[in-house]
Amino acid sequence: MLAGGKATRLGGVAKHLLRVGGDTIFERQIRAIAPLVDAVIVSGPPIAGYRNVADAARDVGPLAGIAAGLAACTTAWLLVVAGDMPNVSHDLIAAMLARRAPDIDAIGIRLGTLPQPLLCVLHVRTREVVDRCVAAGRYKASGVLTDEGLRVAWLDDVEPFLLANINTPDDLAEH
């Protein structure tokens, strides 16, 4: 789970701690994913009770958190969830995880033609690709799914509400 970021449009608040429907975004996400994963790894500020990892490189953005998660992952697959997505559902995560297969490197979501890279599933063998992107200064997370030759199983029929993120006070007010 990516819980870092500067949240400048929200005054620097830790977005995963924002309350939506009475619970923090993090609490909502944990309810959705915990029954489906072996462990939760948090890339970002420490969260008590969870394994925390530091970004693999500074000032790189989400791709550094993904790199850190892949380096720390002890299973074959890493579920990546941005810490500002309050509507991620158990059913969506289960559908993504069901697409895992030996000949697949990643499971991604597209809205129209736009990949949503901060909710995806990556096989740990993608670590080399992610590390290479970081080292080359190619920090666009969606590029890992679209530009690096990975074999991606795409989900294209996802309800946009499930992928909404909180970036501004207006986004928060809408939830």
Protein backbone atom coordinates (compact mmCIF):
# COMPACT_ATOMS: atom_id res chain seq x y z
CA MET A 1 0.00 0.00 0.00
CA LEU A 2 1.36 3.41 -0.95
CA ALA A 3 0.72 5.83 1.89
CA GLY A 4 3.32 8.47 1.05
CA GLY A 5 3.01 11.64 -0.96
CA LYS A 6 3.05 15.29 -0.05
CA ALA A 7 -0.69 16.06 -0.35
CA THR A 8 0.09 19.69 -1.13
CA ARG A 9 -3.46 20.37 -2.35
CA LEU A 10 -4.75 19.15 1.02
CA GLY A 11 -2.34 21.16 3.16
CA GLY A 12 0.13 18.31 3.63
CA VAL A 13 -2.24 16.02 5.56
CA ALA A 14 -1.57 12.27 5.47
CA LYS A 15 -4.27 11.26 3.02
CA HIS A 16 -4.56 7.69 4.24
CA LEU A 17 -5.72 9.14 7.59
CA LEU A 18 -8.52 11.23 6.08
CA ARG A 19 -11.97 10.16 7.24
CA VAL A 20 -14.53 9.04 4.69
CA GLY A 21 -17.83 7.70 5.95
CA GLY A 22 -16.56 7.67 9.54
CA ASP A 23 -13.42 5.61 8.92
CA THR A 24 -9.97 6.52 7.69
CA ILE A 25 -9.13 5.69 4.10
CA PHE A 26 -6.56 3.23 5.46
CA GLU A 27 -9.17 1.45 7.63
CA ARG A 28 -11.51 1.17 4.66
CA GLN A 29 -8.75 -0.25 2.48
CA ILE A 30 -7.62 -2.75 5.09
CA ARG A 31 -11.19 -4.09 5.37
CA ALA A 32 -11.22 -4.61 1.61
CA ILE A 33 -7.81 -6.18 1.15
CA ALA A 34 -6.81 -7.92 4.40
CA PRO A 35 -8.87 -11.08 3.79
CA LEU A 36 -7.23 -11.46 0.37
CA VAL A 37 -3.52 -10.94 1.06
CA ASP A 38 -0.90 -12.64 3.20
CA ALA A 39 0.53 -9.40 4.60
CA VAL A 40 0.25 -5.63 4.29
CA ILE A 41 3.38 -3.64 3.48
CA VAL A 42 3.10 0.13 3.79
CA SER A 43 5.39 2.36 1.78
CA GLY A 44 5.24 5.74 3.44
CA PRO A 45 4.99 7.03 6.97
CA PRO A 46 4.98 4.30 9.62
CA ILE A 47 1.60 2.85 10.51
CA ALA A 48 1.56 0.97 13.81
CA GLY A 49 0.94 -2.75 13.46
CA TYR A 50 2.03 -2.95 9.82
CA ARG A 51 5.32 -3.61 8.09
CA ASN A 52 6.65 -0.29 6.80
CA VAL A 53 9.24 0.26 4.08
CA ALA A 54 10.95 3.43 2.90
CA ASP A 55 10.89 4.57 -0.69
CA ALA A 56 13.69 3.05 -2.74
CA ALA A 57 14.70 6.53 -3.96
CA ARG A 58 13.87 10.08 -2.84
CA ASP A 59 11.67 12.48 -4.81
CA VAL A 60 10.67 9.85 -7.33
CA GLY A 61 7.00 9.57 -6.43
CA PRO A 62 4.85 6.44 -6.33
CA LEU A 63 7.22 4.36 -8.43
CA ALA A 64 9.78 4.46 -5.60
CA GLY A 65 7.16 3.11 -3.22
CA ILE A 66 6.30 0.35 -5.67
CA ALA A 67 10.02 -0.50 -5.93
CA ALA A 68 10.28 -0.66 -2.13
CA GLY A 69 7.20 -2.86 -1.94
CA LEU A 70 8.56 -5.26 -4.55
CA ALA A 71 11.90 -5.43 -2.72
CA ALA A 72 10.13 -6.24 0.56
CA CYS A 73 7.53 -8.62 -0.87
CA THR A 74 7.80 -12.19 0.41
CA THR A 75 5.16 -13.65 -1.93
CA ALA A 76 5.06 -14.00 -5.71
CA TRP A 77 2.65 -11.10 -6.19
CA LEU A 78 2.39 -7.55 -4.85
CA LEU A 79 -0.95 -5.74 -4.71
CA VAL A 80 -0.37 -2.01 -5.15
CA VAL A 81 -3.02 0.31 -3.68
CA ALA A 82 -2.62 4.09 -3.47
CA GLY A 83 -3.25 5.39 0.03
CA ASP A 84 -5.79 7.94 -1.17
CA MET A 85 -8.35 5.57 -2.72
CA PRO A 86 -11.25 5.23 -0.24
CA ASN A 87 -13.59 3.18 -2.44
CA VAL A 88 -11.43 0.17 -3.27
CA SER A 89 -13.61 -2.88 -2.75
CA HIS A 90 -13.04 -6.46 -1.71
CA ASP A 91 -14.75 -7.66 -4.90
CA LEU A 92 -12.53 -5.54 -7.15
CA ILE A 93 -9.36 -6.77 -5.44
CA ALA A 94 -10.60 -10.36 -5.64
CA ALA A 95 -11.29 -9.95 -9.38
CA MET A 96 -7.79 -8.57 -9.90
CA LEU A 97 -6.13 -11.36 -7.94
CA ALA A 98 -8.15 -13.98 -9.83
CA ARG A 99 -6.38 -12.89 -13.03
CA ARG A 100 -2.95 -14.00 -11.78
CA ALA A 101 -1.35 -16.62 -14.01
CA PRO A 102 2.14 -17.94 -14.74
CA ASP A 103 2.26 -16.16 -18.10
CA ILE A 104 1.16 -12.77 -16.68
CA ASP A 105 3.49 -10.14 -15.21
CA ALA A 106 0.86 -7.69 -14.03
CA ILE A 107 -2.84 -7.12 -13.64
CA GLY A 108 -3.87 -3.59 -14.46
CA ILE A 109 -7.01 -1.52 -14.70
CA ARG A 110 -7.89 0.82 -17.55
CA LEU A 111 -10.56 3.48 -17.65
CA GLY A 112 -11.11 3.85 -21.35
CA THR A 113 -7.56 3.76 -22.65
CA LEU A 114 -5.97 5.23 -19.52
CA PRO A 115 -4.14 2.82 -17.22
CA GLN A 116 -4.65 3.26 -13.47
CA PRO A 117 -1.21 2.17 -12.23
CA LEU A 118 -1.68 2.85 -8.53
CA LEU A 119 -4.13 0.01 -8.23
CA CYS A 120 -2.51 -3.02 -9.81
CA VAL A 121 -0.99 -6.40 -9.08
CA LEU A 122 2.65 -7.01 -9.98
CA HIS A 123 4.57 -10.26 -10.04
CA VAL A 124 7.83 -9.89 -8.10
CA ARG A 125 9.76 -10.59 -11.32
CA THR A 126 8.72 -7.06 -12.38
CA ARG A 127 11.07 -5.66 -9.75
CA GLU A 128 13.91 -5.52 -12.28
CA VAL A 129 11.74 -3.49 -14.68
CA VAL A 130 10.62 -1.08 -11.94
CA ASP A 131 14.18 -0.65 -10.65
CA ARG A 132 15.41 -0.01 -14.19
CA CYS A 133 12.74 2.67 -14.69
CA VAL A 134 13.68 4.39 -11.44
CA ALA A 135 17.40 4.28 -12.29
CA ALA A 136 16.72 5.73 -15.76
CA GLY A 137 14.58 8.57 -14.38
CA ARG A 138 11.38 7.20 -15.96
CA TYR A 139 9.13 7.79 -12.97
CA LYS A 140 5.71 7.54 -14.62
CA ALA A 141 4.07 4.57 -12.90
CA SER A 142 1.73 3.89 -15.80
CA GLY A 143 4.75 3.47 -18.06
CA VAL A 144 5.69 0.30 -16.19
CA LEU A 145 2.42 -1.25 -17.34
CA THR A 146 2.37 0.19 -20.86
CA ASP A 147 5.94 0.83 -22.04
CA GLU A 148 8.14 -1.92 -20.64
CA GLY A 149 6.92 -5.01 -22.47
CA LEU A 150 5.18 -6.58 -19.49
CA ARG A 151 2.46 -9.12 -20.11
CA VAL A 152 -0.52 -7.34 -18.56
CA ALA A 153 -4.00 -8.73 -17.98
CA TRP A 154 -6.28 -5.70 -18.13
CA LEU A 155 -9.58 -5.15 -16.36
CA ASP A 156 -11.57 -2.69 -18.44
CA ASP A 157 -15.05 -2.82 -16.92
CA VAL A 158 -14.32 -1.29 -13.53
CA GLU A 159 -16.71 1.23 -12.00
CA PRO A 160 -14.82 4.58 -11.91
CA PHE A 161 -16.16 5.28 -8.39
CA LEU A 162 -14.00 2.42 -7.08
CA LEU A 163 -10.87 4.11 -8.42
CA ALA A 164 -11.60 7.63 -7.15
CA ASN A 165 -8.83 9.23 -5.14
CA ILE A 166 -8.76 12.15 -2.74
CA ASN A 167 -6.49 14.93 -3.97
CA THR A 168 -8.35 18.12 -3.05
CA PRO A 169 -10.79 19.37 -0.41
CA ASP A 170 -13.53 19.11 -3.06
CA ASP A 171 -12.70 15.43 -3.62
CA LEU A 172 -13.02 14.81 0.10
CA ALA A 173 -16.32 16.71 0.29
CA GLU A 174 -17.74 14.53 -2.51
CA HIS A 175 -17.16 11.43 -0.42
